[in-house]
Amino acid sequence: METQKGDTIYLNTASEPTEVEINWQQNTENKSAKYKTLTYDHGPDESRVKLANIFVQSTYYQILMDRAQPVPNKQQKSIKVDNDFQFGQQTDGKNRFLVYHNKANKPFQHRFVETTLASGIFNTIKGPLNSVAPLIPYVGTVLKEQFTSRFPGLAGHPLRDWNDAAVTAGDMIVVNDKYEEKNVIGVTWLQKTTEVKTPYVITRFTNLTEGRSTEGILFVEVSKWSELLKKAQADSPGPGKVIKVDSKFQYGQKDGIGNVRFLVYHDAMANPILQKRFLETVAESSKLEQLGTTLGSVTNHKPANKASLLSGLTGDALKNF
């Protein structure tokens, strides 16, 4: 899984970080700032990506280093990711990188990737990146190919803030475990040039995690329903099953900040469905009125309606945690 708010990350301090200059336009004015780039890992947390990148505004670098704690017997410093960090990523949520800077700076996320590639940093980095190059998509040619092929999905997207209200990995949710045929919908999508309709159970969940939106929507591929329920905690109280959101879940959302975030549990490899198809299917069915309260609690629209639900939807793929 990619880095989440609340994770402890371990900054690699074995060598002096490389400095790059990021240029952008803001309110019709040309802006620039220098950033230091370094790598970090997640220590013993094997559920997260092994290695990732962080850009730190040069004038904020010492502030970050002073906040971070030295790791005994390692050339690393640890720090917990909080709201002071922003992030960028590909449209599918992969290749997430962190940014620590003055949030008044508003460079689009692709500026960091383009500048880094143009500077040749990934051809010269020594140490951890090169040693695990075969394992991760962040290094050398592999990184260049992946990011340059995805520039259309990065261009024009601002850096993102963490949405404290949106359901995320590690949250404990209560899922309505009653399977009813009336709650099955067919999500239609294109597989190459063939139209495919995959049946999903649509149900509500309640998020037990403090500070989160209390309700949300979960789409479960019918063939995966039993598998999902097997993940339930043994001591699930009352109606429904308590399940921990993990990397087996994907999510979709209405925009880049996590509004109308919904969960999907399915065979992600077999069903590469664009996220908008799920909400479009709801909007086109009789389920919209049934789920209006749930959608309203997430979107701040009361009640939710087709226009507000579909406004701003894009053709992005479902995202991975």
C-alpha atoms as a PDB file:
ATOM      1  CA  MET A   1       0.000   0.000   0.000  1.00  0.00           C
ATOM      2  CA  GLU A   2       1.017   3.598  -0.515  1.00  0.00           C
ATOM      3  CA  THR A   3       1.918   5.969   2.327  1.00  0.00           C
ATOM      4  CA  GLN A   4      -1.028   7.121   4.442  1.00  0.00           C
ATOM      5  CA  LYS A   5      -1.474   9.856   7.004  1.00  0.00           C
ATOM      6  CA  GLY A   6      -0.444   8.487  10.407  1.00  0.00           C
ATOM      7  CA  ASP A   7       2.309   6.274   9.005  1.00  0.00           C
ATOM      8  CA  THR A   8       5.768   6.488  10.517  1.00  0.00           C
ATOM      9  CA  ILE A   9       8.292   6.949   7.736  1.00  0.00           C
ATOM     10  CA  TYR A  10      12.059   6.570   7.923  1.00  0.00           C
ATOM     11  CA  LEU A  11      14.015   9.246   6.061  1.00  0.00           C
ATOM     12  CA  ASN A  12      17.296   8.074   4.588  1.00  0.00           C
ATOM     13  CA  THR A  13      20.025  10.475   5.716  1.00  0.00           C
ATOM     14  CA  ALA A  14      23.113   8.536   4.609  1.00  0.00           C
ATOM     15  CA  SER A  15      23.964  11.144   1.980  1.00  0.00           C
ATOM     16  CA  GLU A  16      23.241  14.776   1.267  1.00  0.00           C
ATOM     17  CA  PRO A  17      19.910  15.120  -0.574  1.00  0.00           C
ATOM     18  CA  THR A  18      19.866  16.418  -4.136  1.00  0.00           C
ATOM     19  CA  GLU A  19      18.376  19.874  -4.674  1.00  0.00           C
ATOM     20  CA  VAL A  20      16.094  20.752  -7.589  1.00  0.00           C
ATOM     21  CA  GLU A  21      14.301  23.942  -8.579  1.00  0.00           C
ATOM     22  CA  ILE A  22      10.544  23.684  -9.121  1.00  0.00           C
ATOM     23  CA  ASN A  23       8.963  26.307 -11.390  1.00  0.00           C
ATOM     24  CA  TRP A  24       5.247  26.978 -11.752  1.00  0.00           C
ATOM     25  CA  GLN A  25       2.636  29.647 -12.388  1.00  0.00           C
ATOM     26  CA  GLN A  26       0.358  30.882  -9.625  1.00  0.00           C
ATOM     27  CA  ASN A  27      -2.236  33.609 -10.094  1.00  0.00           C
ATOM     28  CA  THR A  28      -0.635  34.451 -13.475  1.00  0.00           C
ATOM     29  CA  GLU A  29       2.768  34.989 -11.798  1.00  0.00           C
ATOM     30  CA  ASN A  30       5.881  32.881 -12.360  1.00  0.00           C
ATOM     31  CA  LYS A  31       7.008  31.201  -9.148  1.00  0.00           C
ATOM     32  CA  SER A  32       9.967  29.041  -8.202  1.00  0.00           C
ATOM     33  CA  ALA A  33      11.343  27.350  -5.101  1.00  0.00           C
ATOM     34  CA  LYS A  34      14.175  24.963  -4.350  1.00  0.00           C
ATOM     35  CA  TYR A  35      13.368  21.522  -2.983  1.00  0.00           C
ATOM     36  CA  LYS A  36      15.570  18.755  -1.630  1.00  0.00           C
ATOM     37  CA  THR A  37      14.636  15.231  -2.689  1.00  0.00           C
ATOM     38  CA  LEU A  38      15.371  12.149  -0.639  1.00  0.00           C
ATOM     39  CA  THR A  39      14.039   8.662  -0.161  1.00  0.00           C
ATOM     40  CA  TYR A  40      12.203   7.092   2.745  1.00  0.00           C
ATOM     41  CA  ASP A  41      10.925   3.674   3.708  1.00  0.00           C
ATOM     42  CA  HIS A  42       8.315   2.359   6.134  1.00  0.00           C
ATOM     43  CA  GLY A  43      10.614   0.373   8.404  1.00  0.00           C
ATOM     44  CA  PRO A  44       8.991  -2.816   9.721  1.00  0.00           C
ATOM     45  CA  ASP A  45       5.594  -2.091   8.131  1.00  0.00           C
ATOM     46  CA  GLU A  46       5.551  -4.648   5.318  1.00  0.00           C
ATOM     47  CA  SER A  47       2.075  -3.594   4.162  1.00  0.00           C
ATOM     48  CA  ARG A  48       3.501  -0.392   2.666  1.00  0.00           C
ATOM     49  CA  VAL A  49       5.666   0.211  -0.399  1.00  0.00           C
ATOM     50  CA  LYS A  50       9.318  -0.544   0.298  1.00  0.00           C
ATOM     51  CA  LEU A  51      10.749   2.771  -0.829  1.00  0.00           C
ATOM     52  CA  ALA A  52       9.337   6.131  -1.902  1.00  0.00           C
ATOM     53  CA  ASN A  53      10.351   9.744  -2.439  1.00  0.00           C
ATOM     54  CA  ILE A  54       9.804  12.978  -0.570  1.00  0.00           C
ATOM     55  CA  PHE A  55      10.410  16.543  -1.739  1.00  0.00           C
ATOM     56  CA  VAL A  56      11.244  19.023   1.015  1.00  0.00           C
ATOM     57  CA  GLN A  57      11.365  22.750   0.341  1.00  0.00           C
ATOM     58  CA  SER A  58      14.952  23.719   1.067  1.00  0.00           C
ATOM     59  CA  THR A  59      13.957  26.391   3.589  1.00  0.00           C
ATOM     60  CA  TYR A  60      11.868  23.757   5.417  1.00  0.00           C
ATOM     61  CA  TYR A  61      14.489  21.011   5.363  1.00  0.00           C
ATOM     62  CA  GLN A  62      16.021  21.798   8.748  1.00  0.00           C
ATOM     63  CA  ILE A  63      12.533  22.168  10.265  1.00  0.00           C
ATOM     64  CA  LEU A  64      11.727  18.628   9.120  1.00  0.00           C
ATOM     65  CA  MET A  65      15.051  17.257  10.350  1.00  0.00           C
ATOM     66  CA  ASP A  66      14.540  18.879  13.755  1.00  0.00           C
ATOM     67  CA  ARG A  67      11.084  17.292  14.038  1.00  0.00           C
ATOM     68  CA  ALA A  68      12.316  13.840  13.027  1.00  0.00           C
ATOM     69  CA  GLN A  69      13.818  11.425  15.538  1.00  0.00           C
ATOM     70  CA  PRO A  70      17.155   9.637  14.986  1.00  0.00           C
ATOM     71  CA  VAL A  71      16.835   5.877  14.438  1.00  0.00           C
ATOM     72  CA  PRO A  72      19.349   3.957  16.598  1.00  0.00           C
ATOM     73  CA  ASN A  73      22.153   2.262  14.653  1.00  0.00           C
ATOM     74  CA  LYS A  74      20.843   3.476  11.286  1.00  0.00           C
ATOM     75  CA  GLN A  75      21.466   6.469   9.066  1.00  0.00           C
ATOM     76  CA  GLN A  76      17.798   7.375   9.225  1.00  0.00           C
ATOM     77  CA  LYS A  77      15.365   9.666  10.987  1.00  0.00           C
ATOM     78  CA  SER A  78      11.734   8.788  11.674  1.00  0.00           C
ATOM     79  CA  ILE A  79       8.664  11.012  11.606  1.00  0.00           C
ATOM     80  CA  LYS A  80       4.901  10.497  11.554  1.00  0.00           C
ATOM     81  CA  VAL A  81       3.061  11.719   8.454  1.00  0.00           C
ATOM     82  CA  ASP A  82       0.515  14.387   9.404  1.00  0.00           C
ATOM     83  CA  ASN A  83      -1.406  17.226   7.782  1.00  0.00           C
ATOM     84  CA  ASP A  84       1.812  19.210   7.266  1.00  0.00           C
ATOM     85  CA  PHE A  85       2.628  16.809   4.419  1.00  0.00           C
ATOM     86  CA  GLN A  86       0.989  16.843   1.001  1.00  0.00           C
ATOM     87  CA  PHE A  87       1.261  14.201  -1.687  1.00  0.00           C
ATOM     88  CA  GLY A  88       1.161  13.554  -5.408  1.00  0.00           C
ATOM     89  CA  GLN A  89       0.450  10.318  -7.241  1.00  0.00           C
ATOM     90  CA  GLN A  90      -0.560   8.749 -10.533  1.00  0.00           C
ATOM     91  CA  THR A  91      -4.243   8.739 -11.383  1.00  0.00           C
ATOM     92  CA  ASP A  92      -4.624   5.188 -10.049  1.00  0.00           C
ATOM     93  CA  GLY A  93      -3.103   6.137  -6.693  1.00  0.00           C
ATOM     94  CA  LYS A  94       0.235   4.456  -7.318  1.00  0.00           C
ATOM     95  CA  ASN A  95       3.738   5.958  -7.166  1.00  0.00           C
ATOM     96  CA  ARG A  96       2.720   8.309  -4.364  1.00  0.00           C
ATOM     97  CA  PHE A  97       5.341  10.809  -3.257  1.00  0.00           C
ATOM     98  CA  LEU A  98       5.301  13.234  -0.330  1.00  0.00           C
ATOM     99  CA  VAL A  99       5.937  16.974  -0.274  1.00  0.00           C
ATOM    100  CA  TYR A 100       6.857  18.982   2.838  1.00  0.00           C
ATOM    101  CA  HIS A 101       6.794  22.706   2.182  1.00  0.00           C
ATOM    102  CA  ASN A 102       4.989  26.007   2.544  1.00  0.00           C
ATOM    103  CA  LYS A 103       1.446  25.092   1.499  1.00  0.00           C
ATOM    104  CA  ALA A 104       1.022  28.574   0.064  1.00  0.00           C
ATOM    105  CA  ASN A 105       3.101  27.185  -2.809  1.00  0.00           C
ATOM    106  CA  LYS A 106       0.708  25.705  -5.392  1.00  0.00           C
ATOM    107  CA  PRO A 107       2.798  23.834  -7.994  1.00  0.00           C
ATOM    108  CA  PHE A 108       0.922  21.051  -9.768  1.00  0.00           C
ATOM    109  CA  GLN A 109       2.189  17.604  -8.883  1.00  0.00           C
ATOM    110  CA  HIS A 110       3.558  16.895 -12.368  1.00  0.00           C
ATOM    111  CA  ARG A 111       6.066  19.735 -11.872  1.00  0.00           C
ATOM    112  CA  PHE A 112       7.942  17.627  -9.336  1.00  0.00           C
ATOM    113  CA  VAL A 113       8.079  14.591 -11.601  1.00  0.00           C
ATOM    114  CA  GLU A 114       9.050  16.505 -14.751  1.00  0.00           C
ATOM    115  CA  THR A 115      11.754  18.467 -12.940  1.00  0.00           C
ATOM    116  CA  THR A 116      13.184  15.337 -11.350  1.00  0.00           C
ATOM    117  CA  LEU A 117      13.307  13.446 -14.627  1.00  0.00           C
ATOM    118  CA  ALA A 118      14.806  16.399 -16.482  1.00  0.00           C
ATOM    119  CA  SER A 119      17.536  16.790 -13.865  1.00  0.00           C
ATOM    120  CA  GLY A 120      18.651  13.174 -14.268  1.00  0.00           C
ATOM    121  CA  ILE A 121      18.513  12.564 -10.517  1.00  0.00           C
ATOM    122  CA  PHE A 122      17.377   8.979 -10.926  1.00  0.00           C
ATOM    123  CA  ASN A 123      20.389   8.162 -13.075  1.00  0.00           C
ATOM    124  CA  THR A 124      22.806   9.330 -10.388  1.00  0.00           C
ATOM    125  CA  ILE A 125      21.224   8.327  -7.071  1.00  0.00           C
ATOM    126  CA  LYS A 126      23.377   5.871  -5.146  1.00  0.00           C
ATOM    127  CA  GLY A 127      22.432   3.532  -2.338  1.00  0.00           C
ATOM    128  CA  PRO A 128      18.921   2.319  -1.471  1.00  0.00           C
ATOM    129  CA  LEU A 129      17.240   3.246  -4.751  1.00  0.00           C
ATOM    130  CA  ASN A 130      19.701   1.399  -6.959  1.00  0.00           C
ATOM    131  CA  SER A 131      19.872  -1.613  -4.652  1.00  0.00           C
ATOM    132  CA  VAL A 132      16.154  -2.330  -4.956  1.00  0.00           C
ATOM    133  CA  ALA A 133      15.673  -1.098  -8.516  1.00  0.00           C
ATOM    134  CA  PRO A 134      14.364  -4.465  -9.760  1.00  0.00           C
ATOM    135  CA  LEU A 135      11.687  -4.478  -7.069  1.00  0.00           C
ATOM    136  CA  ILE A 136      10.026  -1.091  -7.249  1.00  0.00           C
ATOM    137  CA  PRO A 137       8.745   1.298  -9.926  1.00  0.00           C
ATOM    138  CA  TYR A 138      10.612   4.346  -8.683  1.00  0.00           C
ATOM    139  CA  VAL A 139      14.019   4.020 -10.270  1.00  0.00           C
ATOM    140  CA  GLY A 140      15.825   4.765 -13.499  1.00  0.00           C
ATOM    141  CA  THR A 141      14.254   3.679 -16.754  1.00  0.00           C
ATOM    142  CA  VAL A 142      11.272   2.035 -15.106  1.00  0.00           C
ATOM    143  CA  LEU A 143      10.339   5.237 -13.300  1.00  0.00           C
ATOM    144  CA  LYS A 144      10.807   7.303 -16.441  1.00  0.00           C
ATOM    145  CA  GLU A 145       8.640   5.024 -18.536  1.00  0.00           C
ATOM    146  CA  GLN A 146       5.855   4.854 -15.973  1.00  0.00           C
ATOM    147  CA  PHE A 147       5.697   8.533 -15.146  1.00  0.00           C
ATOM    148  CA  THR A 148       6.209   9.884 -18.641  1.00  0.00           C
ATOM    149  CA  SER A 149       3.445   7.607 -19.887  1.00  0.00           C
ATOM    150  CA  ARG A 150       1.185   8.988 -17.166  1.00  0.00           C
ATOM    151  CA  PHE A 151       1.904  12.712 -17.554  1.00  0.00           C
ATOM    152  CA  PRO A 152      -1.585  13.272 -18.996  1.00  0.00           C
ATOM    153  CA  GLY A 153      -2.984  12.007 -15.706  1.00  0.00           C
ATOM    154  CA  LEU A 154      -0.684  14.187 -13.624  1.00  0.00           C
ATOM    155  CA  ALA A 155      -0.821  17.428 -15.560  1.00  0.00           C
ATOM    156  CA  GLY A 156      -3.057  20.034 -13.983  1.00  0.00           C
ATOM    157  CA  HIS A 157      -3.591  18.111 -10.764  1.00  0.00           C
ATOM    158  CA  PRO A 158      -2.690  20.037  -7.592  1.00  0.00           C
ATOM    159  CA  LEU A 159      -0.853  18.422  -4.734  1.00  0.00           C
ATOM    160  CA  ARG A 160      -3.299  16.706  -2.425  1.00  0.00           C
ATOM    161  CA  ASP A 161      -4.084  17.129   1.233  1.00  0.00           C
ATOM    162  CA  TRP A 162      -5.134  14.227   3.412  1.00  0.00           C
ATOM    163  CA  ASN A 163      -8.900  13.965   3.749  1.00  0.00           C
ATOM    164  CA  ASP A 164      -9.394  13.158   7.417  1.00  0.00           C
ATOM    165  CA  ALA A 165     -13.044  12.302   6.877  1.00  0.00           C
ATOM    166  CA  ALA A 166     -12.554   9.842   3.996  1.00  0.00           C
ATOM    167  CA  VAL A 167     -12.326   6.130   4.736  1.00  0.00           C
ATOM    168  CA  THR A 168      -8.783   4.825   4.343  1.00  0.00           C
ATOM    169  CA  ALA A 169      -6.599   1.772   4.898  1.00  0.00           C
ATOM    170  CA  GLY A 170      -6.541   0.541   8.485  1.00  0.00           C
ATOM    171  CA  ASP A 171     -10.038   1.822   9.307  1.00  0.00           C
ATOM    172  CA  MET A 172     -12.457  -0.554  11.008  1.00  0.00           C
ATOM    173  CA  ILE A 173     -15.826  -0.608   9.274  1.00  0.00           C
ATOM    174  CA  VAL A 174     -19.100  -2.378  10.046  1.00  0.00           C
ATOM    175  CA  VAL A 175     -20.550  -3.951   6.910  1.00  0.00           C
ATOM    176  CA  ASN A 176     -24.178  -4.944   6.522  1.00  0.00           C
ATOM    177  CA  ASP A 177     -23.740  -8.690   5.980  1.00  0.00           C
ATOM    178  CA  LYS A 178     -27.257  -9.466   4.751  1.00  0.00           C
ATOM    179  CA  TYR A 179     -27.087 -10.587   1.142  1.00  0.00           C
ATOM    180  CA  GLU A 180     -30.214  -9.627  -0.774  1.00  0.00           C
ATOM    181  CA  GLU A 181     -30.783  -9.992  -4.505  1.00  0.00           C
ATOM    182  CA  LYS A 182     -32.509  -6.619  -4.607  1.00  0.00           C
ATOM    183  CA  ASN A 183     -29.175  -5.013  -3.687  1.00  0.00           C
ATOM    184  CA  VAL A 184     -27.331  -6.515  -6.667  1.00  0.00           C
ATOM    185  CA  ILE A 185     -26.561  -4.158  -9.545  1.00  0.00           C
ATOM    186  CA  GLY A 186     -24.763  -4.775 -12.815  1.00  0.00           C
ATOM    187  CA  VAL A 187     -21.827  -2.442 -13.448  1.00  0.00           C
ATOM    188  CA  THR A 188     -21.257  -2.135 -17.190  1.00  0.00           C
ATOM    189  CA  TRP A 189     -17.794  -1.502 -18.592  1.00  0.00           C
ATOM    190  CA  LEU A 190     -15.689  -2.082 -21.695  1.00  0.00           C
ATOM    191  CA  GLN A 191     -13.144  -4.891 -21.868  1.00  0.00           C
ATOM    192  CA  LYS A 192     -11.154  -3.949 -24.951  1.00  0.00           C
ATOM    193  CA  THR A 193     -14.067  -3.520 -27.372  1.00  0.00           C
ATOM    194  CA  THR A 194     -16.568  -5.803 -25.654  1.00  0.00           C
ATOM    195  CA  GLU A 195     -19.210  -4.547 -23.227  1.00  0.00           C
ATOM    196  CA  VAL A 196     -19.167  -6.491 -19.965  1.00  0.00           C
ATOM    197  CA  LYS A 197     -21.596  -6.352 -17.061  1.00  0.00           C
ATOM    198  CA  THR A 198     -20.281  -7.508 -13.675  1.00  0.00           C
ATOM    199  CA  PRO A 199     -22.711  -8.051 -10.763  1.00  0.00           C
ATOM    200  CA  TYR A 200     -21.939  -6.254  -7.497  1.00  0.00           C
ATOM    201  CA  VAL A 201     -23.708  -6.169  -4.152  1.00  0.00           C
ATOM    202  CA  ILE A 202     -24.133  -2.557  -3.087  1.00  0.00           C
ATOM    203  CA  THR A 203     -24.310  -2.053   0.653  1.00  0.00           C
ATOM    204  CA  ARG A 204     -23.618   0.520   3.331  1.00  0.00           C
ATOM    205  CA  PHE A 205     -20.863   0.519   5.898  1.00  0.00           C
ATOM    206  CA  THR A 206     -20.351   2.399   9.139  1.00  0.00           C
ATOM    207  CA  ASN A 207     -16.840   3.621   9.914  1.00  0.00           C
ATOM    208  CA  LEU A 208     -15.842   3.053  13.538  1.00  0.00           C
ATOM    209  CA  THR A 209     -12.665   5.119  13.210  1.00  0.00           C
ATOM    210  CA  GLU A 210     -12.817   8.358  15.172  1.00  0.00           C
ATOM    211  CA  GLY A 211     -12.973  11.478  13.041  1.00  0.00           C
ATOM    212  CA  ARG A 212     -14.138   9.752   9.857  1.00  0.00           C
ATOM    213  CA  SER A 213     -17.406  10.169   7.995  1.00  0.00           C
ATOM    214  CA  THR A 214     -19.726   7.742   9.743  1.00  0.00           C
ATOM    215  CA  GLU A 215     -21.302   6.232   6.634  1.00  0.00           C
ATOM    216  CA  GLY A 216     -20.173   5.089   3.228  1.00  0.00           C
ATOM    217  CA  ILE A 217     -20.973   2.814   0.325  1.00  0.00           C
ATOM    218  CA  LEU A 218     -19.302  -0.501  -0.469  1.00  0.00           C
ATOM    219  CA  PHE A 219     -19.518  -2.376  -3.773  1.00  0.00           C
ATOM    220  CA  VAL A 220     -18.713  -6.090  -3.462  1.00  0.00           C
ATOM    221  CA  GLU A 221     -18.354  -8.330  -6.492  1.00  0.00           C
ATOM    222  CA  VAL A 222     -20.970 -11.051  -6.001  1.00  0.00           C
ATOM    223  CA  SER A 223     -18.405 -13.838  -6.390  1.00  0.00           C
ATOM    224  CA  LYS A 224     -16.291 -12.233  -3.611  1.00  0.00           C
ATOM    225  CA  TRP A 225     -19.086 -11.782  -1.039  1.00  0.00           C
ATOM    226  CA  SER A 226     -18.215 -14.880   1.023  1.00  0.00           C
ATOM    227  CA  GLU A 227     -14.509 -14.045   0.868  1.00  0.00           C
ATOM    228  CA  LEU A 228     -15.181 -10.579   2.278  1.00  0.00           C
ATOM    229  CA  LEU A 229     -17.214 -11.893   5.211  1.00  0.00           C
ATOM    230  CA  LYS A 230     -14.400 -14.295   6.128  1.00  0.00           C
ATOM    231  CA  LYS A 231     -12.278 -11.224   6.876  1.00  0.00           C
ATOM    232  CA  ALA A 232     -14.647 -10.190   9.682  1.00  0.00           C
ATOM    233  CA  GLN A 233     -13.318  -9.815  13.219  1.00  0.00           C
ATOM    234  CA  ALA A 234     -14.233 -12.756  15.440  1.00  0.00           C
ATOM    235  CA  ASP A 235     -15.830 -10.476  18.041  1.00  0.00           C
ATOM    236  CA  SER A 236     -18.044  -8.482  15.650  1.00  0.00           C
ATOM    237  CA  PRO A 237     -20.830  -7.144  17.903  1.00  0.00           C
ATOM    238  CA  GLY A 238     -24.498  -6.814  16.971  1.00  0.00           C
ATOM    239  CA  PRO A 239     -25.731  -6.682  13.385  1.00  0.00           C
ATOM    240  CA  GLY A 240     -23.157  -6.531  10.633  1.00  0.00           C
ATOM    241  CA  LYS A 241     -19.526  -7.593  10.503  1.00  0.00           C
ATOM    242  CA  VAL A 242     -16.487  -5.582  11.613  1.00  0.00           C
ATOM    243  CA  ILE A 243     -13.858  -5.646   8.870  1.00  0.00           C
ATOM    244  CA  LYS A 244     -10.510  -3.902   8.578  1.00  0.00           C
ATOM    245  CA  VAL A 245      -9.917  -1.992   5.342  1.00  0.00           C
ATOM    246  CA  ASP A 246      -6.739  -3.372   3.779  1.00  0.00           C
ATOM    247  CA  SER A 247      -4.936  -3.520   0.443  1.00  0.00           C
ATOM    248  CA  LYS A 248      -7.540  -5.921  -0.975  1.00  0.00           C
ATOM    249  CA  PHE A 249      -9.958  -2.993  -1.152  1.00  0.00           C
ATOM    250  CA  GLN A 250      -9.877  -0.343  -3.830  1.00  0.00           C
ATOM    251  CA  TYR A 251     -11.637   2.984  -3.750  1.00  0.00           C
ATOM    252  CA  GLY A 252     -13.156   5.578  -5.990  1.00  0.00           C
ATOM    253  CA  GLN A 253     -14.072   9.169  -5.292  1.00  0.00           C
ATOM    254  CA  LYS A 254     -15.622  12.173  -6.925  1.00  0.00           C
ATOM    255  CA  ASP A 255     -12.561  14.417  -6.834  1.00  0.00           C
ATOM    256  CA  GLY A 256      -8.920  14.656  -5.848  1.00  0.00           C
ATOM    257  CA  ILE A 257      -9.594  15.396  -2.182  1.00  0.00           C
ATOM    258  CA  GLY A 258     -11.679  12.335  -1.360  1.00  0.00           C
ATOM    259  CA  ASN A 259     -15.269  13.565  -1.564  1.00  0.00           C
ATOM    260  CA  VAL A 260     -17.830  10.799  -2.177  1.00  0.00           C
ATOM    261  CA  ARG A 261     -15.204   8.149  -1.481  1.00  0.00           C
ATOM    262  CA  PHE A 262     -16.599   4.644  -1.798  1.00  0.00           C
ATOM    263  CA  LEU A 263     -15.022   1.216  -1.379  1.00  0.00           C
ATOM    264  CA  VAL A 264     -14.865  -1.661  -3.851  1.00  0.00           C
ATOM    265  CA  TYR A 265     -14.017  -5.266  -2.986  1.00  0.00           C
ATOM    266  CA  HIS A 266     -13.491  -7.386  -6.078  1.00  0.00           C
ATOM    267  CA  ASP A 267     -11.005  -9.060  -8.377  1.00  0.00           C
ATOM    268  CA  ALA A 268      -9.169  -5.903  -9.370  1.00  0.00           C
ATOM    269  CA  MET A 269      -7.071  -7.586 -12.052  1.00  0.00           C
ATOM    270  CA  ALA A 270     -10.087  -9.122 -13.785  1.00  0.00           C
ATOM    271  CA  ASN A 271     -12.253  -6.016 -13.435  1.00  0.00           C
ATOM    272  CA  PRO A 272     -10.297  -2.858 -14.357  1.00  0.00           C
ATOM    273  CA  ILE A 273     -13.415  -0.715 -14.116  1.00  0.00           C
ATOM    274  CA  LEU A 274     -13.265   3.085 -14.142  1.00  0.00           C
ATOM    275  CA  GLN A 275     -14.523   4.531 -10.872  1.00  0.00           C
ATOM    276  CA  LYS A 276     -17.177   6.665 -12.526  1.00  0.00           C
ATOM    277  CA  ARG A 277     -19.000   3.568 -13.752  1.00  0.00           C
ATOM    278  CA  PHE A 278     -19.966   2.652 -10.175  1.00  0.00           C
ATOM    279  CA  LEU A 279     -21.525   6.027  -9.375  1.00  0.00           C
ATOM    280  CA  GLU A 280     -23.094   6.276 -12.814  1.00  0.00           C
ATOM    281  CA  THR A 281     -24.714   2.879 -12.263  1.00  0.00           C
ATOM    282  CA  VAL A 282     -26.104   4.040  -8.920  1.00  0.00           C
ATOM    283  CA  ALA A 283     -27.385   7.270 -10.442  1.00  0.00           C
ATOM    284  CA  GLU A 284     -29.058   5.395 -13.288  1.00  0.00           C
ATOM    285  CA  SER A 285     -30.744   2.869 -10.997  1.00  0.00           C
ATOM    286  CA  SER A 286     -33.430   3.017  -8.345  1.00  0.00           C
ATOM    287  CA  LYS A 287     -30.693   2.794  -5.694  1.00  0.00           C
ATOM    288  CA  LEU A 288     -29.919   6.533  -5.682  1.00  0.00           C
ATOM    289  CA  GLU A 289     -32.955   7.411  -3.572  1.00  0.00           C
ATOM    290  CA  GLN A 290     -32.272   4.435  -1.295  1.00  0.00           C
ATOM    291  CA  LEU A 291     -28.661   5.532  -0.756  1.00  0.00           C
ATOM    292  CA  GLY A 292     -29.329   9.258  -0.703  1.00  0.00           C
ATOM    293  CA  THR A 293     -28.773   9.679   3.026  1.00  0.00           C
ATOM    294  CA  THR A 294     -25.465   7.820   2.892  1.00  0.00           C
ATOM    295  CA  LEU A 295     -24.231   9.814  -0.092  1.00  0.00           C
ATOM    296  CA  GLY A 296     -25.418  13.025   1.512  1.00  0.00           C
ATOM    297  CA  SER A 297     -23.417  12.366   4.670  1.00  0.00           C
ATOM    298  CA  VAL A 298     -20.279  12.078   2.570  1.00  0.00           C
ATOM    299  CA  THR A 299     -20.882  14.893   0.111  1.00  0.00           C
ATOM    300  CA  ASN A 300     -22.541  17.459   2.374  1.00  0.00           C
ATOM    301  CA  HIS A 301     -25.463  17.485  -0.075  1.00  0.00           C
ATOM    302  CA  LYS A 302     -28.794  16.691   1.543  1.00  0.00           C
ATOM    303  CA  PRO A 303     -30.293  14.827  -0.085  1.00  0.00           C
ATOM    304  CA  ALA A 304     -27.841  13.525  -2.676  1.00  0.00           C
ATOM    305  CA  ASN A 305     -29.089  13.814  -6.240  1.00  0.00           C
ATOM    306  CA  LYS A 306     -27.966  12.632  -9.625  1.00  0.00           C
ATOM    307  CA  ALA A 307     -26.582  15.999 -10.726  1.00  0.00           C
ATOM    308  CA  SER A 308     -24.453  16.552  -7.619  1.00  0.00           C
ATOM    309  CA  LEU A 309     -23.299  12.942  -7.587  1.00  0.00           C
ATOM    310  CA  LEU A 310     -22.050  12.910 -11.179  1.00  0.00           C
ATOM    311  CA  SER A 311     -20.718  16.475 -11.350  1.00  0.00           C
ATOM    312  CA  GLY A 312     -16.965  16.481 -11.906  1.00  0.00           C
ATOM    313  CA  LEU A 313     -16.591  12.728 -12.371  1.00  0.00           C
ATOM    314  CA  THR A 314     -13.640  11.689 -14.518  1.00  0.00           C
ATOM    315  CA  GLY A 315     -12.432   8.555 -16.247  1.00  0.00           C
ATOM    316  CA  ASP A 316      -9.888   7.715 -13.559  1.00  0.00           C
ATOM    317  CA  ALA A 317      -9.231   4.115 -12.606  1.00  0.00           C
ATOM    318  CA  LEU A 318     -10.097   2.821  -9.160  1.00  0.00           C
ATOM    319  CA  LYS A 319      -7.314   3.594  -6.726  1.00  0.00           C
ATOM    320  CA  ASN A 320      -5.279   1.341  -4.443  1.00  0.00           C
ATOM    321  CA  PHE A 321      -4.583   2.094  -0.801  1.00  0.00           C
END
